[in-house]
PDB file of N, CA and C in Angstrom:
ATOM      1  N   UNK A   1       2.656   7.565  -0.156  1.00  0.00           N
ATOM      2  CA  UNK A   1       2.237   8.918  -0.422  1.00  0.00           C
ATOM      3  C   UNK A   1       0.741   8.971  -0.353  1.00  0.00           C
ATOM      4  N   UNK A   2       0.234  10.006   0.311  1.00  0.00           N
ATOM      5  CA  UNK A   2      -1.195  10.221   0.403  1.00  0.00           C
ATOM      6  C   UNK A   2      -1.521  11.567  -0.216  1.00  0.00           C
ATOM      7  N   UNK A   3      -2.694  11.650  -0.829  1.00  0.00           N
ATOM      8  CA  UNK A   3      -3.151  12.899  -1.413  1.00  0.00           C
ATOM      9  C   UNK A   3      -4.676  12.999  -1.317  1.00  0.00           C
ATOM     10  N   UNK A   4      -5.133  14.206  -1.282  1.00  0.00           N
ATOM     11  CA  UNK A   4      -6.566  14.423  -1.225  1.00  0.00           C
ATOM     12  C   UNK A   4      -6.850  15.770  -1.902  1.00  0.00           C
ATOM     13  N   UNK A   5      -7.800  15.810  -2.828  1.00  0.00           N
ATOM     14  CA  UNK A   5      -8.115  17.097  -3.435  1.00  0.00           C
ATOM     15  C   UNK A   5      -8.814  17.999  -2.437  1.00  0.00           C
ATOM     16  N   UNK A   6      -8.365  19.208  -2.335  1.00  0.00           N
ATOM     17  CA  UNK A   6      -8.936  20.190  -1.414  1.00  0.00           C
ATOM     18  C   UNK A   6      -9.529  21.355  -2.210  1.00  0.00           C
ATOM     19  N   UNK A   7     -10.675  21.846  -1.784  1.00  0.00           N
ATOM     20  CA  UNK A   7     -11.249  23.009  -2.470  1.00  0.00           C
ATOM     21  C   UNK A   7     -10.337  24.201  -2.301  1.00  0.00           C
ATOM     22  N   UNK A   8      -9.783  24.370  -1.121  1.00  0.00           N
ATOM     23  CA  UNK A   8      -8.822  25.450  -0.839  1.00  0.00           C
ATOM     24  C   UNK A   8      -7.673  24.873  -0.035  1.00  0.00           C
ATOM     25  N   UNK A   9      -6.459  25.132  -0.463  1.00  0.00           N
ATOM     26  CA  UNK A   9      -5.273  24.603   0.218  1.00  0.00           C
ATOM     27  C   UNK A   9      -4.849  25.571   1.315  1.00  0.00           C
ATOM     28  N   UNK A  10      -5.698  25.772   2.283  1.00  0.00           N
ATOM     29  CA  UNK A  10      -5.338  26.653   3.409  1.00  0.00           C
ATOM     30  C   UNK A  10      -4.602  25.852   4.457  1.00  0.00           C
ATOM     31  N   UNK A  11      -3.914  26.557   5.347  1.00  0.00           N
ATOM     32  CA  UNK A  11      -3.171  25.878   6.416  1.00  0.00           C
ATOM     33  C   UNK A  11      -4.102  25.047   7.277  1.00  0.00           C
ATOM     34  N   UNK A  12      -5.300  25.566   7.536  1.00  0.00           N
ATOM     35  CA  UNK A  12      -6.266  24.812   8.365  1.00  0.00           C
ATOM     36  C   UNK A  12      -6.703  23.506   7.674  1.00  0.00           C
ATOM     37  N   UNK A  13      -6.971  23.552   6.363  1.00  0.00           N
ATOM     38  CA  UNK A  13      -7.362  22.358   5.636  1.00  0.00           C
ATOM     39  C   UNK A  13      -6.237  21.327   5.576  1.00  0.00           C
ATOM     40  N   UNK A  14      -5.029  21.822   5.339  1.00  0.00           N
ATOM     41  CA  UNK A  14      -3.880  20.917   5.283  1.00  0.00           C
ATOM     42  C   UNK A  14      -3.628  20.304   6.664  1.00  0.00           C
ATOM     43  N   UNK A  15      -3.774  21.124   7.722  1.00  0.00           N
ATOM     44  CA  UNK A  15      -3.607  20.597   9.092  1.00  0.00           C
ATOM     45  C   UNK A  15      -4.625  19.510   9.377  1.00  0.00           C
ATOM     46  N   UNK A  16      -5.887  19.749   8.974  1.00  0.00           N
ATOM     47  CA  UNK A  16      -6.935  18.726   9.163  1.00  0.00           C
ATOM     48  C   UNK A  16      -6.589  17.443   8.426  1.00  0.00           C
ATOM     49  N   UNK A  17      -6.085  17.575   7.186  1.00  0.00           N
ATOM     50  CA  UNK A  17      -5.698  16.400   6.402  1.00  0.00           C
ATOM     51  C   UNK A  17      -4.581  15.634   7.098  1.00  0.00           C
ATOM     52  N   UNK A  18      -3.569  16.336   7.583  1.00  0.00           N
ATOM     53  CA  UNK A  18      -2.455  15.666   8.262  1.00  0.00           C
ATOM     54  C   UNK A  18      -2.948  14.941   9.491  1.00  0.00           C
ATOM     55  N   UNK A  19      -3.774  15.588  10.283  1.00  0.00           N
ATOM     56  CA  UNK A  19      -4.253  14.956  11.535  1.00  0.00           C
ATOM     57  C   UNK A  19      -5.198  13.804  11.256  1.00  0.00           C
ATOM     58  N   UNK A  20      -6.257  14.024  10.452  1.00  0.00           N
ATOM     59  CA  UNK A  20      -7.292  13.008  10.254  1.00  0.00           C
ATOM     60  C   UNK A  20      -6.928  11.916   9.285  1.00  0.00           C
ATOM     61  N   UNK A  21      -6.226  12.243   8.206  1.00  0.00           N
ATOM     62  CA  UNK A  21      -5.974  11.261   7.173  1.00  0.00           C
ATOM     63  C   UNK A  21      -4.620  10.570   7.298  1.00  0.00           C
ATOM     64  N   UNK A  22      -3.711  11.135   8.097  1.00  0.00           N
ATOM     65  CA  UNK A  22      -2.392  10.530   8.210  1.00  0.00           C
ATOM     66  C   UNK A  22      -2.135  10.086   9.648  1.00  0.00           C
ATOM     67  N   UNK A  23      -2.081  11.014  10.550  1.00  0.00           N
ATOM     68  CA  UNK A  23      -1.696  10.664  11.927  1.00  0.00           C
ATOM     69  C   UNK A  23      -2.699   9.768  12.629  1.00  0.00           C
ATOM     70  N   UNK A  24      -3.996  10.050  12.527  1.00  0.00           N
ATOM     71  CA  UNK A  24      -4.987   9.218  13.199  1.00  0.00           C
ATOM     72  C   UNK A  24      -5.082   7.811  12.602  1.00  0.00           C
ATOM     73  N   UNK A  25      -4.730   7.673  11.320  1.00  0.00           N
ATOM     74  CA  UNK A  25      -4.789   6.340  10.670  1.00  0.00           C
ATOM     75  C   UNK A  25      -3.488   5.584  10.814  1.00  0.00           C
ATOM     76  N   UNK A  26      -2.367   6.242  10.536  1.00  0.00           N
ATOM     77  CA  UNK A  26      -1.082   5.548  10.491  1.00  0.00           C
ATOM     78  C   UNK A  26      -0.172   5.800  11.714  1.00  0.00           C
ATOM     79  N   UNK A  27      -0.559   6.735  12.558  1.00  0.00           N
ATOM     80  CA  UNK A  27       0.291   7.086  13.700  1.00  0.00           C
ATOM     81  C   UNK A  27       1.216   8.239  13.312  1.00  0.00           C
ATOM     82  N   UNK A  28       1.974   8.641  14.296  1.00  0.00           N
ATOM     83  CA  UNK A  28       2.830   9.820  14.112  1.00  0.00           C
ATOM     84  C   UNK A  28       4.095   9.438  13.332  1.00  0.00           C
ATOM     85  N   UNK A  29       4.373  10.209  12.302  1.00  0.00           N
ATOM     86  CA  UNK A  29       5.550  10.013  11.477  1.00  0.00           C
ATOM     87  C   UNK A  29       6.754  10.618  12.146  1.00  0.00           C
ATOM     88  N   UNK A  30       7.932  10.171  11.751  1.00  0.00           N
ATOM     89  CA  UNK A  30       9.155  10.762  12.260  1.00  0.00           C
ATOM     90  C   UNK A  30       9.534  12.029  11.515  1.00  0.00           C
ATOM     91  N   UNK A  31       9.138  12.091  10.229  1.00  0.00           N
ATOM     92  CA  UNK A  31       9.424  13.298   9.439  1.00  0.00           C
ATOM     93  C   UNK A  31       8.387  13.490   8.394  1.00  0.00           C
ATOM     94  N   UNK A  32       8.164  14.741   8.008  1.00  0.00           N
ATOM     95  CA  UNK A  32       7.216  15.094   6.953  1.00  0.00           C
ATOM     96  C   UNK A  32       7.960  16.066   6.030  1.00  0.00           C
ATOM     97  N   UNK A  33       7.879  15.839   4.728  1.00  0.00           N
ATOM     98  CA  UNK A  33       8.491  16.711   3.753  1.00  0.00           C
ATOM     99  C   UNK A  33       7.418  17.520   3.071  1.00  0.00           C
ATOM    100  N   UNK A  34       7.579  18.846   3.090  1.00  0.00           N
ATOM    101  CA  UNK A  34       6.621  19.742   2.462  1.00  0.00           C
ATOM    102  C   UNK A  34       7.375  20.748   1.606  1.00  0.00           C
ATOM    103  N   UNK A  35       6.692  21.355   0.644  1.00  0.00           N
ATOM    104  CA  UNK A  35       7.319  22.397  -0.119  1.00  0.00           C
ATOM    105  C   UNK A  35       7.225  23.720   0.672  1.00  0.00           C
ATOM    106  N   UNK A  36       7.855  24.742   0.151  1.00  0.00           N
ATOM    107  CA  UNK A  36       7.937  25.997   0.890  1.00  0.00           C
ATOM    108  C   UNK A  36       6.801  26.949   0.531  1.00  0.00           C
ATOM    109  N   UNK A  37       5.680  26.442   0.071  1.00  0.00           N
ATOM    110  CA  UNK A  37       4.557  27.292  -0.251  1.00  0.00           C
ATOM    111  C   UNK A  37       3.975  27.880   1.022  1.00  0.00           C
ATOM    112  N   UNK A  38       3.360  29.081   0.956  1.00  0.00           N
ATOM    113  CA  UNK A  38       2.867  29.749   2.163  1.00  0.00           C
ATOM    114  C   UNK A  38       1.896  28.922   2.995  1.00  0.00           C
ATOM    115  N   UNK A  39       1.064  28.120   2.337  1.00  0.00           N
ATOM    116  CA  UNK A  39       0.095  27.346   3.130  1.00  0.00           C
ATOM    117  C   UNK A  39       0.738  26.258   3.986  1.00  0.00           C
ATOM    118  N   UNK A  40       2.035  25.967   3.756  1.00  0.00           N
ATOM    119  CA  UNK A  40       2.723  24.975   4.542  1.00  0.00           C
ATOM    120  C   UNK A  40       3.525  25.588   5.669  1.00  0.00           C
ATOM    121  N   UNK A  41       3.268  26.809   5.990  1.00  0.00           N
ATOM    122  CA  UNK A  41       4.113  27.507   6.967  1.00  0.00           C
ATOM    123  C   UNK A  41       3.561  27.418   8.396  1.00  0.00           C
ATOM    124  N   UNK A  42       3.462  28.528   9.050  1.00  0.00           N
ATOM    125  CA  UNK A  42       3.257  28.703  10.491  1.00  0.00           C
ATOM    126  C   UNK A  42       2.362  27.693  11.186  1.00  0.00           C
ATOM    127  N   UNK A  43       1.095  27.637  10.837  1.00  0.00           N
ATOM    128  CA  UNK A  43       0.146  26.785  11.595  1.00  0.00           C
ATOM    129  C   UNK A  43       0.501  25.311  11.479  1.00  0.00           C
ATOM    130  N   UNK A  44       0.867  24.869  10.308  1.00  0.00           N
ATOM    131  CA  UNK A  44       1.219  23.459  10.112  1.00  0.00           C
ATOM    132  C   UNK A  44       2.552  23.151  10.809  1.00  0.00           C
ATOM    133  N   UNK A  45       3.512  24.042  10.727  1.00  0.00           N
ATOM    134  CA  UNK A  45       4.794  23.857  11.379  1.00  0.00           C
ATOM    135  C   UNK A  45       4.608  23.721  12.912  1.00  0.00           C
ATOM    136  N   UNK A  46       3.702  24.488  13.474  1.00  0.00           N
ATOM    137  CA  UNK A  46       3.414  24.425  14.916  1.00  0.00           C
ATOM    138  C   UNK A  46       2.966  23.055  15.337  1.00  0.00           C
ATOM    139  N   UNK A  47       1.977  22.547  14.639  1.00  0.00           N
ATOM    140  CA  UNK A  47       1.403  21.225  15.023  1.00  0.00           C
ATOM    141  C   UNK A  47       2.406  20.103  14.781  1.00  0.00           C
ATOM    142  N   UNK A  48       3.189  20.189  13.746  1.00  0.00           N
ATOM    143  CA  UNK A  48       4.177  19.162  13.452  1.00  0.00           C
ATOM    144  C   UNK A  48       5.253  19.175  14.541  1.00  0.00           C
ATOM    145  N   UNK A  49       5.721  20.355  14.908  1.00  0.00           N
ATOM    146  CA  UNK A  49       6.728  20.445  15.971  1.00  0.00           C
ATOM    147  C   UNK A  49       6.175  19.986  17.315  1.00  0.00           C
ATOM    148  N   UNK A  50       4.926  20.314  17.582  1.00  0.00           N
ATOM    149  CA  UNK A  50       4.287  19.895  18.851  1.00  0.00           C
ATOM    150  C   UNK A  50       4.249  18.371  18.971  1.00  0.00           C
ATOM    151  N   UNK A  51       4.127  17.714  17.822  1.00  0.00           N
ATOM    152  CA  UNK A  51       4.113  16.241  17.835  1.00  0.00           C
ATOM    153  C   UNK A  51       5.506  15.627  17.768  1.00  0.00           C
ATOM    154  N   UNK A  52       6.518  16.465  17.695  1.00  0.00           N
ATOM    155  CA  UNK A  52       7.886  15.971  17.672  1.00  0.00           C
ATOM    156  C   UNK A  52       8.332  15.440  16.315  1.00  0.00           C
ATOM    157  N   UNK A  53       7.656  15.892  15.253  1.00  0.00           N
ATOM    158  CA  UNK A  53       7.982  15.411  13.918  1.00  0.00           C
ATOM    159  C   UNK A  53       9.019  16.338  13.283  1.00  0.00           C
ATOM    160  N   UNK A  54      10.024  15.778  12.627  1.00  0.00           N
ATOM    161  CA  UNK A  54      11.001  16.579  11.911  1.00  0.00           C
ATOM    162  C   UNK A  54      10.347  17.119  10.638  1.00  0.00           C
ATOM    163  N   UNK A  55      10.381  18.425  10.483  1.00  0.00           N
ATOM    164  CA  UNK A  55       9.794  19.078   9.309  1.00  0.00           C
ATOM    165  C   UNK A  55      10.886  19.425   8.333  1.00  0.00           C
ATOM    166  N   UNK A  56      10.815  18.830   7.136  1.00  0.00           N
ATOM    167  CA  UNK A  56      11.812  19.093   6.077  1.00  0.00           C
ATOM    168  C   UNK A  56      11.121  19.912   4.986  1.00  0.00           C
ATOM    169  N   UNK A  57      11.666  21.113   4.734  1.00  0.00           N
ATOM    170  CA  UNK A  57      11.087  21.960   3.706  1.00  0.00           C
ATOM    171  C   UNK A  57      11.961  21.927   2.480  1.00  0.00           C
ATOM    172  N   UNK A  58      11.350  21.773   1.320  1.00  0.00           N
ATOM    173  CA  UNK A  58      12.063  21.717   0.068  1.00  0.00           C
ATOM    174  C   UNK A  58      11.509  22.814  -0.856  1.00  0.00           C
ATOM    175  N   UNK A  59      12.256  23.099  -1.903  1.00  0.00           N
ATOM    176  CA  UNK A  59      11.754  24.060  -2.908  1.00  0.00           C
ATOM    177  C   UNK A  59      10.590  23.429  -3.636  1.00  0.00           C
ATOM    178  N   UNK A  60       9.680  24.248  -4.104  1.00  0.00           N
ATOM    179  CA  UNK A  60       8.437  23.772  -4.725  1.00  0.00           C
ATOM    180  C   UNK A  60       8.689  22.866  -5.912  1.00  0.00           C
ATOM    181  N   UNK A  61       9.646  23.195  -6.765  1.00  0.00           N
ATOM    182  CA  UNK A  61       9.846  22.381  -7.958  1.00  0.00           C
ATOM    183  C   UNK A  61      11.328  22.121  -8.168  1.00  0.00           C
ATOM    184  N   UNK A  62      11.699  20.890  -8.049  1.00  0.00           N
ATOM    185  CA  UNK A  62      13.065  20.465  -8.310  1.00  0.00           C
ATOM    186  C   UNK A  62      12.989  19.034  -8.847  1.00  0.00           C
ATOM    187  N   UNK A  63      12.722  18.896 -10.158  1.00  0.00           N
ATOM    188  CA  UNK A  63      12.461  17.566 -10.705  1.00  0.00           C
ATOM    189  C   UNK A  63      13.602  16.568 -10.540  1.00  0.00           C
ATOM    190  N   UNK A  64      14.856  17.037 -10.526  1.00  0.00           N
ATOM    191  CA  UNK A  64      15.966  16.105 -10.400  1.00  0.00           C
ATOM    192  C   UNK A  64      16.056  15.518  -8.997  1.00  0.00           C
ATOM    193  N   UNK A  65      15.741  16.331  -7.997  1.00  0.00           N
ATOM    194  CA  UNK A  65      15.828  15.871  -6.605  1.00  0.00           C
ATOM    195  C   UNK A  65      14.590  15.091  -6.202  1.00  0.00           C
ATOM    196  N   UNK A  66      13.520  15.223  -6.979  1.00  0.00           N
ATOM    197  CA  UNK A  66      12.238  14.661  -6.585  1.00  0.00           C
ATOM    198  C   UNK A  66      11.646  13.781  -7.694  1.00  0.00           C
ATOM    199  N   UNK A  67      12.446  12.973  -8.331  1.00  0.00           N
ATOM    200  CA  UNK A  67      11.961  12.153  -9.429  1.00  0.00           C
ATOM    201  C   UNK A  67      10.807  11.260  -9.039  1.00  0.00           C
ATOM    202  N   UNK A  68      10.877  10.594  -7.901  1.00  0.00           N
ATOM    203  CA  UNK A  68       9.798   9.712  -7.475  1.00  0.00           C
ATOM    204  C   UNK A  68       8.550  10.501  -7.151  1.00  0.00           C
ATOM    205  N   UNK A  69       8.752  11.639  -6.485  1.00  0.00           N
ATOM    206  CA  UNK A  69       7.591  12.508  -6.172  1.00  0.00           C
ATOM    207  C   UNK A  69       6.917  12.972  -7.452  1.00  0.00           C
ATOM    208  N   UNK A  70       7.728  13.355  -8.443  1.00  0.00           N
ATOM    209  CA  UNK A  70       7.177  13.826  -9.718  1.00  0.00           C
ATOM    210  C   UNK A  70       6.381  12.711 -10.391  1.00  0.00           C
ATOM    211  N   UNK A  71       6.896  11.493 -10.366  1.00  0.00           N
ATOM    212  CA  UNK A  71       6.204  10.367 -10.975  1.00  0.00           C
ATOM    213  C   UNK A  71       4.872  10.099 -10.232  1.00  0.00           C
ATOM    214  N   UNK A  72       4.894  10.130  -8.908  1.00  0.00           N
ATOM    215  CA  UNK A  72       3.694   9.936  -8.130  1.00  0.00           C
ATOM    216  C   UNK A  72       2.687  11.054  -8.380  1.00  0.00           C
ATOM    217  N   UNK A  73       3.210  12.277  -8.495  1.00  0.00           N
ATOM    218  CA  UNK A  73       2.340  13.431  -8.748  1.00  0.00           C
ATOM    219  C   UNK A  73       1.606  13.290 -10.076  1.00  0.00           C
ATOM    220  N   UNK A  74       2.324  12.843 -11.097  1.00  0.00           N
ATOM    221  CA  UNK A  74       1.689  12.650 -12.415  1.00  0.00           C
ATOM    222  C   UNK A  74       0.607  11.592 -12.334  1.00  0.00           C
ATOM    223  N   UNK A  75       0.824  10.510 -11.589  1.00  0.00           N
ATOM    224  CA  UNK A  75      -0.180   9.489 -11.391  1.00  0.00           C
ATOM    225  C   UNK A  75      -1.430  10.074 -10.714  1.00  0.00           C
ATOM    226  N   UNK A  76      -1.189  10.928  -9.701  1.00  0.00           N
ATOM    227  CA  UNK A  76      -2.323  11.534  -8.979  1.00  0.00           C
ATOM    228  C   UNK A  76      -3.107  12.478  -9.892  1.00  0.00           C
ATOM    229  N   UNK A  77      -2.409  13.270 -10.669  1.00  0.00           N
ATOM    230  CA  UNK A  77      -3.084  14.181 -11.620  1.00  0.00           C
ATOM    231  C   UNK A  77      -3.952  13.400 -12.558  1.00  0.00           C
ATOM    232  N   UNK A  78      -3.437  12.306 -13.115  1.00  0.00           N
ATOM    233  CA  UNK A  78      -4.223  11.473 -14.032  1.00  0.00           C
ATOM    234  C   UNK A  78      -5.427  10.849 -13.323  1.00  0.00           C
ATOM    235  N   UNK A  79      -5.231  10.373 -12.090  1.00  0.00           N
ATOM    236  CA  UNK A  79      -6.346   9.743 -11.355  1.00  0.00           C
ATOM    237  C   UNK A  79      -7.437  10.785 -11.049  1.00  0.00           C
ATOM    238  N   UNK A  80      -7.020  11.956 -10.591  1.00  0.00           N
ATOM    239  CA  UNK A  80      -8.003  13.018 -10.286  1.00  0.00           C
ATOM    240  C   UNK A  80      -8.730  13.477 -11.542  1.00  0.00           C
ATOM    241  N   UNK A  81      -8.023  13.528 -12.666  1.00  0.00           N
ATOM    242  CA  UNK A  81      -8.670  13.911 -13.918  1.00  0.00           C
ATOM    243  C   UNK A  81      -9.726  12.901 -14.327  1.00  0.00           C
ATOM    244  N   UNK A  82      -9.399  11.610 -14.175  1.00  0.00           N
ATOM    245  CA  UNK A  82     -10.359  10.572 -14.495  1.00  0.00           C
ATOM    246  C   UNK A  82     -11.590  10.648 -13.583  1.00  0.00           C
ATOM    247  N   UNK A  83     -11.353  10.878 -12.289  1.00  0.00           N
ATOM    248  CA  UNK A  83     -12.490  11.007 -11.356  1.00  0.00           C
ATOM    249  C   UNK A  83     -13.350  12.192 -11.681  1.00  0.00           C
ATOM    250  N   UNK A  84     -12.735  13.303 -12.025  1.00  0.00           N
ATOM    251  CA  UNK A  84     -13.500  14.514 -12.382  1.00  0.00           C
ATOM    252  C   UNK A  84     -14.316  14.276 -13.645  1.00  0.00           C
ATOM    253  N   UNK A  85     -13.709  13.650 -14.636  1.00  0.00           N
ATOM    254  CA  UNK A  85     -14.424  13.367 -15.890  1.00  0.00           C
ATOM    255  C   UNK A  85     -15.521  12.345 -15.694  1.00  0.00           C
ATOM    256  N   UNK A  86     -15.279  11.336 -14.836  1.00  0.00           N
ATOM    257  CA  UNK A  86     -16.304  10.319 -14.581  1.00  0.00           C
ATOM    258  C   UNK A  86     -17.526  10.942 -13.943  1.00  0.00           C
ATOM    259  N   UNK A  87     -17.341  11.892 -13.055  1.00  0.00           N
ATOM    260  CA  UNK A  87     -18.463  12.522 -12.382  1.00  0.00           C
ATOM    261  C   UNK A  87     -19.271  13.413 -13.329  1.00  0.00           C
ATOM    262  N   UNK A  88     -18.598  13.965 -14.348  1.00  0.00           N
ATOM    263  CA  UNK A  88     -19.323  14.823 -15.275  1.00  0.00           C
ATOM    264  C   UNK A  88     -20.277  14.031 -16.160  1.00  0.00           C
ATOM    265  N   UNK A  89     -20.069  12.707 -16.247  1.00  0.00           N
ATOM    266  CA  UNK A  89     -20.944  11.845 -17.076  1.00  0.00           C
ATOM    267  C   UNK A  89     -22.191  11.439 -16.347  1.00  0.00           C
ATOM    268  N   UNK A  90     -22.248  11.627 -15.020  1.00  0.00           N
ATOM    269  CA  UNK A  90     -23.391  11.170 -14.250  1.00  0.00           C
ATOM    270  C   UNK A  90     -24.518  12.147 -14.301  1.00  0.00           C
TER     271      UNK A  90
END
């Protein structure tokens, strides 16, 4: 799982993240799972389909179906909180 804090979660920013931080480093994935939030729609779906990647859309919050994702998300929240607090001390 990869994550990056974004100032704005726009389709363009998410597209850049997918291209630069995932595809250019690890190669093209066979499938990508995203939630059904608006920023994950049209523009991102176009680029994913153009690359031949299977796009799987899930509901935004389903803790029973996404237990591992929820655990990873909590770890990310804690890590980002520590980074944010560490920078405020400088």
